[in-house]
Amino acid sequence: SKGLELPASTAKKKPEVALKVSISRDELMVEGQRITTLNKMMDREGLIVPELETILDQRRALTEKIAKHSTKVEFKGDVLIEADRQVRFKIIQKIMYTCGQSGFSNFSLLVLRKEG
């Protein structure tokens, strides 16, 4: 994503298909859609990010509704979080907490793989 520089890692396991939450240096996005700015997130007390919580709750409800009618669909709570290496941990903590509270507790953190 534009404005997103991932930290390096030597891990080689590729993430499963999951809801994608991206944290650039300036904003929070879900599946490429801008949700809020990091400045707004830091200005608020508490760990819940309301804009993110709303989207996650809607996504979970939709998936669970579809799962009632299809054996191929199941809500597993998978979320892929990719964050720019310069994003403060407090921001990542708020996002992970909000995801967990909305039932998305199977986290994968995406980082740039370090060669060698």
N, C-alpha and C. Protein backbone atom coordinates (compact mmCIF):
# COMPACT_ATOMS: atom_id res chain seq x y z
N SER A 1 0.83 -1.19 0.00
CA SER A 1 0.00 0.00 0.00
C SER A 1 0.88 1.25 0.00
N LYS A 2 0.37 2.31 -0.55
CA LYS A 2 1.10 3.57 -0.60
C LYS A 2 1.34 4.09 0.81
N GLY A 3 2.56 4.51 1.10
CA GLY A 3 2.88 5.06 2.41
C GLY A 3 3.01 4.00 3.48
N LEU A 4 3.26 2.75 3.09
CA LEU A 4 3.34 1.65 4.04
C LEU A 4 4.65 0.91 3.83
N GLU A 5 5.57 1.06 4.79
CA GLU A 5 6.86 0.38 4.73
C GLU A 5 6.89 -0.64 5.86
N LEU A 6 6.93 -1.93 5.51
CA LEU A 6 6.83 -3.00 6.49
C LEU A 6 8.18 -3.28 7.15
N PRO A 7 8.16 -3.67 8.46
CA PRO A 7 9.40 -4.07 9.12
C PRO A 7 9.88 -5.40 8.58
N ALA A 8 11.15 -5.71 8.79
CA ALA A 8 11.73 -6.94 8.28
C ALA A 8 11.52 -8.11 9.23
N SER A 9 11.42 -9.32 8.68
CA SER A 9 11.28 -10.55 9.46
C SER A 9 11.90 -11.68 8.66
N THR A 10 12.39 -12.70 9.35
CA THR A 10 12.95 -13.86 8.66
C THR A 10 11.94 -15.00 8.57
N ALA A 11 10.74 -14.82 9.11
CA ALA A 11 9.70 -15.85 9.05
C ALA A 11 9.29 -16.08 7.61
N LYS A 12 9.00 -17.35 7.26
CA LYS A 12 8.67 -17.67 5.87
C LYS A 12 7.24 -18.14 5.67
N LYS A 13 6.49 -18.36 6.74
CA LYS A 13 5.12 -18.84 6.61
C LYS A 13 4.25 -17.74 6.00
N LYS A 14 3.47 -18.11 5.00
CA LYS A 14 2.59 -17.15 4.36
C LYS A 14 1.24 -17.14 5.09
N PRO A 15 0.63 -15.95 5.25
CA PRO A 15 -0.65 -15.88 5.95
C PRO A 15 -1.79 -16.50 5.16
N GLU A 16 -2.78 -17.03 5.87
CA GLU A 16 -4.00 -17.55 5.26
C GLU A 16 -4.86 -16.37 4.80
N VAL A 17 -5.90 -16.64 4.03
CA VAL A 17 -6.82 -15.59 3.61
C VAL A 17 -7.55 -15.08 4.85
N ALA A 18 -7.56 -13.78 5.03
CA ALA A 18 -8.16 -13.18 6.21
C ALA A 18 -8.59 -11.75 5.90
N LEU A 19 -9.36 -11.16 6.80
CA LEU A 19 -9.72 -9.75 6.67
C LEU A 19 -8.43 -8.94 6.79
N LYS A 20 -8.21 -8.03 5.87
CA LYS A 20 -6.95 -7.27 5.84
C LYS A 20 -7.13 -5.89 6.47
N VAL A 21 -6.36 -5.65 7.52
CA VAL A 21 -6.33 -4.35 8.20
C VAL A 21 -4.94 -3.77 7.99
N SER A 22 -4.87 -2.60 7.38
CA SER A 22 -3.59 -1.97 7.07
C SER A 22 -3.43 -0.67 7.86
N ILE A 23 -2.22 -0.49 8.39
CA ILE A 23 -1.92 0.72 9.16
C ILE A 23 -0.74 1.40 8.48
N SER A 24 -1.01 2.51 7.80
CA SER A 24 0.08 3.26 7.18
C SER A 24 0.59 4.26 8.22
N ARG A 25 1.46 5.15 7.82
CA ARG A 25 1.97 6.15 8.76
C ARG A 25 0.90 7.13 9.19
N ASP A 26 -0.17 7.26 8.39
CA ASP A 26 -1.18 8.28 8.65
C ASP A 26 -2.58 7.76 8.89
N GLU A 27 -2.93 6.58 8.34
CA GLU A 27 -4.32 6.16 8.39
C GLU A 27 -4.50 4.66 8.58
N LEU A 28 -5.73 4.31 8.97
CA LEU A 28 -6.14 2.93 9.16
C LEU A 28 -7.07 2.55 8.02
N MET A 29 -6.83 1.38 7.40
CA MET A 29 -7.65 0.93 6.29
C MET A 29 -8.09 -0.51 6.53
N VAL A 30 -9.29 -0.85 6.07
CA VAL A 30 -9.78 -2.23 6.08
C VAL A 30 -10.08 -2.59 4.63
N GLU A 31 -9.43 -3.65 4.15
CA GLU A 31 -9.60 -4.08 2.75
C GLU A 31 -9.41 -2.91 1.79
N GLY A 32 -8.43 -2.04 2.08
CA GLY A 32 -8.11 -0.92 1.20
C GLY A 32 -8.98 0.31 1.36
N GLN A 33 -10.00 0.25 2.21
CA GLN A 33 -10.89 1.39 2.42
C GLN A 33 -10.44 2.17 3.66
N ARG A 34 -10.22 3.47 3.49
CA ARG A 34 -9.79 4.32 4.60
C ARG A 34 -10.88 4.38 5.67
N ILE A 35 -10.49 4.13 6.93
CA ILE A 35 -11.44 4.09 8.04
C ILE A 35 -11.31 5.33 8.92
N THR A 36 -10.09 5.65 9.31
CA THR A 36 -9.83 6.81 10.17
C THR A 36 -8.35 7.16 10.09
N THR A 37 -7.98 8.26 10.73
CA THR A 37 -6.57 8.64 10.78
C THR A 37 -5.96 8.19 12.10
N LEU A 38 -4.66 8.03 12.11
CA LEU A 38 -3.98 7.64 13.34
C LEU A 38 -4.04 8.76 14.37
N ASN A 39 -4.04 10.01 13.91
CA ASN A 39 -4.16 11.13 14.84
C ASN A 39 -5.48 11.07 15.61
N LYS A 40 -6.58 10.79 14.93
CA LYS A 40 -7.88 10.66 15.61
C LYS A 40 -7.84 9.53 16.62
N MET A 41 -7.20 8.43 16.25
CA MET A 41 -7.12 7.28 17.16
C MET A 41 -6.35 7.64 18.42
N MET A 42 -5.26 8.37 18.28
CA MET A 42 -4.43 8.72 19.43
C MET A 42 -5.09 9.77 20.32
N ASP A 43 -5.96 10.59 19.73
CA ASP A 43 -6.64 11.63 20.51
C ASP A 43 -7.71 11.08 21.42
N ARG A 44 -8.16 9.84 21.18
CA ARG A 44 -9.23 9.24 21.97
C ARG A 44 -8.70 8.45 23.15
N GLU A 45 -9.46 8.48 24.24
CA GLU A 45 -9.16 7.64 25.40
C GLU A 45 -9.63 6.22 25.10
N GLY A 46 -9.08 5.25 25.79
CA GLY A 46 -9.54 3.87 25.66
C GLY A 46 -8.89 3.14 24.50
N LEU A 47 -9.16 1.84 24.46
CA LEU A 47 -8.52 0.98 23.46
C LEU A 47 -9.39 0.69 22.24
N ILE A 48 -10.69 0.95 22.33
CA ILE A 48 -11.59 0.66 21.20
C ILE A 48 -11.49 1.75 20.13
N VAL A 49 -11.40 1.33 18.88
CA VAL A 49 -11.45 2.24 17.73
C VAL A 49 -12.86 2.08 17.14
N PRO A 50 -13.78 3.03 17.44
CA PRO A 50 -15.19 2.86 17.06
C PRO A 50 -15.42 2.61 15.57
N GLU A 51 -14.71 3.33 14.70
CA GLU A 51 -14.89 3.16 13.25
C GLU A 51 -14.53 1.74 12.82
N LEU A 52 -13.47 1.21 13.39
CA LEU A 52 -13.04 -0.15 13.08
C LEU A 52 -14.01 -1.16 13.67
N GLU A 53 -14.45 -0.93 14.88
CA GLU A 53 -15.40 -1.84 15.54
C GLU A 53 -16.68 -2.00 14.72
N THR A 54 -17.20 -0.90 14.20
CA THR A 54 -18.42 -0.93 13.39
C THR A 54 -18.24 -1.82 12.16
N ILE A 55 -17.14 -1.64 11.45
CA ILE A 55 -16.89 -2.43 10.24
C ILE A 55 -16.69 -3.90 10.58
N LEU A 56 -15.94 -4.18 11.64
CA LEU A 56 -15.70 -5.57 12.03
C LEU A 56 -16.99 -6.27 12.44
N ASP A 57 -17.82 -5.57 13.21
CA ASP A 57 -19.10 -6.15 13.63
C ASP A 57 -19.99 -6.45 12.44
N GLN A 58 -20.00 -5.54 11.46
CA GLN A 58 -20.79 -5.75 10.24
C GLN A 58 -20.26 -6.95 9.46
N ARG A 59 -18.94 -7.05 9.32
CA ARG A 59 -18.32 -8.14 8.57
C ARG A 59 -18.60 -9.48 9.25
N ARG A 60 -18.50 -9.51 10.58
CA ARG A 60 -18.76 -10.75 11.31
C ARG A 60 -20.22 -11.17 11.15
N ALA A 61 -21.14 -10.22 11.31
CA ALA A 61 -22.57 -10.53 11.18
C ALA A 61 -22.90 -11.06 9.79
N LEU A 62 -22.33 -10.45 8.76
CA LEU A 62 -22.57 -10.88 7.39
C LEU A 62 -22.03 -12.30 7.17
N THR A 63 -20.82 -12.55 7.63
CA THR A 63 -20.21 -13.87 7.46
C THR A 63 -21.02 -14.93 8.20
N GLU A 64 -21.46 -14.62 9.42
CA GLU A 64 -22.26 -15.59 10.19
C GLU A 64 -23.61 -15.84 9.53
N LYS A 65 -24.19 -14.80 8.92
CA LYS A 65 -25.47 -14.96 8.22
C LYS A 65 -25.31 -15.87 7.01
N ILE A 66 -24.25 -15.66 6.25
CA ILE A 66 -23.98 -16.50 5.08
C ILE A 66 -23.69 -17.93 5.52
N ALA A 67 -22.96 -18.09 6.62
CA ALA A 67 -22.59 -19.42 7.11
C ALA A 67 -23.81 -20.27 7.49
N LYS A 68 -24.90 -19.61 7.85
CA LYS A 68 -26.13 -20.35 8.19
C LYS A 68 -26.71 -21.06 6.97
N HIS A 69 -26.37 -20.57 5.78
CA HIS A 69 -26.93 -21.11 4.55
C HIS A 69 -25.90 -21.81 3.66
N SER A 70 -24.65 -21.85 4.11
CA SER A 70 -23.60 -22.47 3.30
C SER A 70 -22.59 -23.19 4.20
N THR A 71 -22.32 -24.43 3.87
CA THR A 71 -21.33 -25.19 4.63
C THR A 71 -19.90 -24.79 4.24
N LYS A 72 -19.76 -24.03 3.17
CA LYS A 72 -18.44 -23.61 2.70
C LYS A 72 -17.94 -22.35 3.41
N VAL A 73 -18.84 -21.66 4.10
CA VAL A 73 -18.47 -20.41 4.77
C VAL A 73 -18.54 -20.61 6.27
N GLU A 74 -17.50 -20.14 6.96
CA GLU A 74 -17.45 -20.24 8.42
C GLU A 74 -16.70 -19.02 8.95
N PHE A 75 -17.24 -18.41 10.01
CA PHE A 75 -16.52 -17.29 10.62
C PHE A 75 -15.43 -17.85 11.52
N LYS A 76 -14.19 -17.52 11.20
CA LYS A 76 -13.05 -18.02 11.97
C LYS A 76 -12.35 -16.92 12.76
N GLY A 77 -12.70 -15.68 12.50
CA GLY A 77 -12.06 -14.57 13.21
C GLY A 77 -10.64 -14.28 12.76
N ASP A 78 -10.35 -14.64 11.49
CA ASP A 78 -9.00 -14.40 10.96
C ASP A 78 -8.84 -12.95 10.53
N VAL A 79 -7.77 -12.33 10.97
CA VAL A 79 -7.47 -10.96 10.58
C VAL A 79 -5.97 -10.84 10.31
N LEU A 80 -5.65 -10.23 9.17
CA LEU A 80 -4.27 -9.97 8.79
C LEU A 80 -3.99 -8.49 9.03
N ILE A 81 -3.05 -8.20 9.90
CA ILE A 81 -2.71 -6.82 10.22
C ILE A 81 -1.34 -6.52 9.62
N GLU A 82 -1.30 -5.51 8.75
CA GLU A 82 -0.02 -5.05 8.22
C GLU A 82 0.17 -3.62 8.67
N ALA A 83 1.34 -3.36 9.25
CA ALA A 83 1.61 -2.03 9.80
C ALA A 83 2.96 -1.53 9.33
N ASP A 84 3.00 -0.25 9.02
CA ASP A 84 4.26 0.38 8.69
C ASP A 84 5.20 0.26 9.89
N ARG A 85 6.47 0.09 9.63
CA ARG A 85 7.44 -0.11 10.71
C ARG A 85 7.52 1.08 11.66
N GLN A 86 7.08 2.26 11.25
CA GLN A 86 7.16 3.45 12.10
C GLN A 86 5.90 3.70 12.92
N VAL A 87 4.88 2.86 12.78
CA VAL A 87 3.65 3.03 13.55
C VAL A 87 3.91 2.67 15.01
N ARG A 88 3.46 3.54 15.91
CA ARG A 88 3.67 3.32 17.35
C ARG A 88 2.90 2.08 17.82
N PHE A 89 3.48 1.37 18.78
CA PHE A 89 2.85 0.16 19.30
C PHE A 89 1.48 0.46 19.88
N LYS A 90 1.28 1.63 20.48
CA LYS A 90 -0.02 1.99 21.07
C LYS A 90 -1.13 1.91 20.02
N ILE A 91 -0.83 2.31 18.79
CA ILE A 91 -1.81 2.23 17.70
C ILE A 91 -2.13 0.77 17.38
N ILE A 92 -1.09 -0.05 17.24
CA ILE A 92 -1.29 -1.47 16.94
C ILE A 92 -2.06 -2.14 18.07
N GLN A 93 -1.76 -1.76 19.31
CA GLN A 93 -2.46 -2.31 20.47
C GLN A 93 -3.96 -2.00 20.40
N LYS A 94 -4.31 -0.76 20.08
CA LYS A 94 -5.72 -0.38 19.97
C LYS A 94 -6.43 -1.18 18.88
N ILE A 95 -5.76 -1.36 17.75
CA ILE A 95 -6.35 -2.09 16.64
C ILE A 95 -6.53 -3.57 16.99
N MET A 96 -5.52 -4.17 17.60
CA MET A 96 -5.62 -5.58 17.99
C MET A 96 -6.70 -5.77 19.05
N TYR A 97 -6.80 -4.86 19.99
CA TYR A 97 -7.83 -4.96 21.03
C TYR A 97 -9.22 -4.87 20.41
N THR A 98 -9.41 -3.90 19.52
CA THR A 98 -10.71 -3.73 18.86
C THR A 98 -11.06 -4.97 18.05
N CYS A 99 -10.10 -5.50 17.31
CA CYS A 99 -10.34 -6.72 16.54
C CYS A 99 -10.76 -7.86 17.46
N GLY A 100 -10.05 -8.05 18.55
CA GLY A 100 -10.37 -9.11 19.50
C GLY A 100 -11.76 -8.97 20.10
N GLN A 101 -12.14 -7.75 20.44
CA GLN A 101 -13.46 -7.50 21.03
C GLN A 101 -14.58 -7.77 20.03
N SER A 102 -14.27 -7.68 18.74
CA SER A 102 -15.26 -7.93 17.70
C SER A 102 -15.22 -9.37 17.19
N GLY A 103 -14.44 -10.22 17.85
CA GLY A 103 -14.39 -11.64 17.48
C GLY A 103 -13.32 -12.00 16.48
N PHE A 104 -12.54 -11.02 16.04
CA PHE A 104 -11.44 -11.27 15.12
C PHE A 104 -10.16 -11.42 15.95
N SER A 105 -9.98 -12.60 16.52
CA SER A 105 -8.88 -12.79 17.46
C SER A 105 -7.79 -13.73 16.94
N ASN A 106 -7.93 -14.19 15.71
CA ASN A 106 -6.91 -15.04 15.11
C ASN A 106 -6.01 -14.14 14.25
N PHE A 107 -4.99 -13.55 14.90
CA PHE A 107 -4.16 -12.53 14.28
C PHE A 107 -3.02 -13.11 13.45
N SER A 108 -2.75 -12.46 12.33
CA SER A 108 -1.51 -12.64 11.59
C SER A 108 -0.95 -11.24 11.40
N LEU A 109 0.32 -11.06 11.74
CA LEU A 109 0.98 -9.78 11.54
C LEU A 109 1.89 -9.91 10.34
N LEU A 110 1.68 -9.06 9.35
CA LEU A 110 2.46 -9.12 8.12
C LEU A 110 3.63 -8.15 8.23
N VAL A 111 4.82 -8.68 7.98
CA VAL A 111 6.02 -7.86 7.96
C VAL A 111 6.79 -8.17 6.69
N LEU A 112 7.71 -7.31 6.33
CA LEU A 112 8.55 -7.53 5.17
C LEU A 112 9.60 -8.57 5.51
N ARG A 113 9.69 -9.63 4.71
CA ARG A 113 10.66 -10.70 4.99
C ARG A 113 12.08 -10.21 4.71
N LYS A 114 12.95 -10.41 5.69
CA LYS A 114 14.35 -10.02 5.56
C LYS A 114 15.11 -11.13 4.84
N GLU A 115 15.89 -10.76 3.85
CA GLU A 115 16.66 -11.75 3.10
C GLU A 115 17.80 -12.30 3.97
N GLY A 116 18.09 -13.61 3.80
CA GLY A 116 19.23 -14.18 4.49
C GLY A 116 18.91 -15.08 5.59
